[in-house]
Amino acid sequence: LGDRYYHGRQGLAKDVPRAIESWTKASEIGSLDAHHELGHRYYFGDGIEEDEKKGIYHWVQAAVRGDVESRHKLGDVACDYGNYELAVQHYMISAKMGLEGSLNEIKDMFKDGHAN
């Protein structure tokens, strides 16, 4: 429902605050997709005030429950902050879960000398 409000799909008018509210309620009952979406929205300030800590919190909640995209995003964050060891750990987990983009990130980190 959050996606439908966020993008204005399936006959619903675009309503970002309502999308955030919907994802928040869904995350409270354990929705991995909702946690992932909230992570993105908060971290990048996309439709809501930017709050990196809240964004990371939501990605962690999804990642520890098996959401591969959220795990990858945690690798991106660690890499952005220069914590390459942690980034490789996150990317390795998401690569083992089948996300090819994570494998590519690891390859790039080796090429750039950030992993060994």
Protein backbone atom coordinates (compact mmCIF):
# COMPACT_ATOMS: atom_id res chain seq x y z
CA LEU A 1 0.00 0.00 0.00
CA GLY A 2 2.88 2.35 0.77
CA ASP A 3 4.26 1.93 -2.74
CA ARG A 4 0.86 2.68 -4.24
CA TYR A 5 0.59 5.92 -2.27
CA TYR A 6 4.21 6.88 -2.87
CA HIS A 7 3.98 6.47 -6.64
CA GLY A 8 0.28 7.25 -7.06
CA ARG A 9 -0.57 3.86 -8.54
CA GLN A 10 -3.69 1.75 -8.93
CA GLY A 11 -6.11 4.64 -8.66
CA LEU A 12 -4.57 6.21 -5.56
CA ALA A 13 -3.38 9.80 -5.62
CA LYS A 14 0.29 10.30 -4.85
CA ASP A 15 0.49 10.94 -1.11
CA VAL A 16 4.02 10.64 0.30
CA PRO A 17 3.09 11.27 3.96
CA ARG A 18 0.46 8.55 3.75
CA ALA A 19 3.00 6.21 2.13
CA ILE A 20 5.44 6.83 5.00
CA GLU A 21 2.63 6.20 7.48
CA SER A 22 1.69 2.97 5.71
CA TRP A 23 5.30 1.73 5.61
CA THR A 24 5.74 2.65 9.27
CA LYS A 25 2.70 0.62 10.31
CA ALA A 26 3.82 -2.29 8.15
CA SER A 27 7.34 -2.16 9.59
CA GLU A 28 5.91 -2.34 13.10
CA ILE A 29 4.41 -5.72 12.27
CA GLY A 30 7.62 -6.94 10.67
CA SER A 31 7.40 -6.14 6.95
CA LEU A 32 10.88 -6.37 5.44
CA ASP A 33 9.82 -4.39 2.38
CA ALA A 34 8.48 -1.60 4.59
CA HIS A 35 11.73 -1.48 6.58
CA HIS A 36 13.71 -1.36 3.34
CA GLU A 37 11.58 1.44 1.90
CA LEU A 38 11.75 3.46 5.12
CA GLY A 39 15.51 2.93 5.18
CA HIS A 40 15.80 4.44 1.73
CA ARG A 41 13.40 7.30 2.38
CA TYR A 42 15.02 8.32 5.68
CA TYR A 43 18.64 7.82 4.61
CA PHE A 44 18.30 9.89 1.45
CA GLY A 45 15.58 12.24 2.65
CA ASP A 46 13.35 11.06 -0.16
CA GLY A 47 9.86 12.36 0.67
CA ILE A 48 10.70 12.84 4.33
CA GLU A 49 13.28 14.75 6.36
CA GLU A 50 16.70 13.13 5.97
CA ASP A 51 17.73 11.06 8.98
CA GLU A 52 20.64 8.72 8.20
CA LYS A 53 20.45 6.99 11.59
CA LYS A 54 16.79 6.09 11.08
CA GLY A 55 17.56 4.95 7.56
CA ILE A 56 20.33 2.67 8.76
CA TYR A 57 18.11 1.41 11.59
CA HIS A 58 15.43 0.31 9.13
CA TRP A 59 17.95 -1.33 6.80
CA VAL A 60 19.44 -3.24 9.75
CA GLN A 61 15.98 -4.41 10.81
CA ALA A 62 15.34 -5.76 7.31
CA ALA A 63 18.85 -7.13 6.75
CA VAL A 64 18.99 -9.22 9.93
CA ARG A 65 15.72 -10.83 8.85
CA GLY A 66 17.10 -11.72 5.42
CA ASP A 67 16.40 -8.77 3.11
CA VAL A 68 19.22 -8.91 0.57
CA GLU A 69 18.77 -5.36 -0.79
CA SER A 70 18.94 -3.85 2.70
CA ARG A 71 22.09 -5.86 3.43
CA HIS A 72 23.63 -4.46 0.23
CA LYS A 73 22.68 -0.91 1.24
CA LEU A 74 24.44 -1.41 4.58
CA GLY A 75 27.54 -2.35 2.57
CA ASP A 76 27.17 0.86 0.59
CA VAL A 77 26.91 2.90 3.78
CA ALA A 78 29.95 1.23 5.34
CA CYS A 79 31.92 1.84 2.14
CA ASP A 80 30.87 5.49 2.03
CA TYR A 81 32.16 5.92 5.59
CA GLY A 82 35.46 4.22 4.73
CA ASN A 83 34.77 1.10 6.76
CA TYR A 84 35.79 -1.25 3.98
CA GLU A 85 36.10 -4.33 6.17
CA LEU A 86 32.48 -4.00 7.29
CA ALA A 87 31.40 -3.19 3.73
CA VAL A 88 32.98 -6.43 2.46
CA GLN A 89 31.19 -8.39 5.19
CA HIS A 90 27.81 -6.95 4.18
CA TYR A 91 28.52 -7.44 0.48
CA MET A 92 29.67 -11.03 1.07
CA ILE A 93 26.43 -11.86 2.85
CA SER A 94 24.27 -10.34 0.14
CA ALA A 95 26.41 -11.92 -2.62
CA LYS A 96 25.94 -15.33 -0.99
CA MET A 97 22.20 -14.62 -1.05
CA GLY A 98 22.46 -14.19 -4.82
CA LEU A 99 22.74 -10.44 -5.35
CA GLU A 100 25.15 -10.05 -8.23
CA GLY A 101 25.59 -6.32 -7.58
CA SER A 102 27.20 -7.13 -4.24
CA LEU A 103 29.70 -9.43 -5.92
CA ASN A 104 30.54 -6.62 -8.34
CA GLU A 105 31.09 -4.24 -5.41
CA ILE A 106 33.53 -6.70 -3.83
CA LYS A 107 35.41 -7.01 -7.14
CA ASP A 108 35.64 -3.22 -7.39
CA MET A 109 36.89 -2.97 -3.82
CA PHE A 110 39.66 -5.47 -4.59
CA LYS A 111 40.60 -3.55 -7.74
CA ASP A 112 40.69 -0.27 -5.78
CA GLY A 113 42.79 -1.81 -3.01
CA HIS A 114 40.07 -1.51 -0.36
CA ALA A 115 39.79 -5.27 0.21
CA ASN A 116 42.29 -8.07 0.41
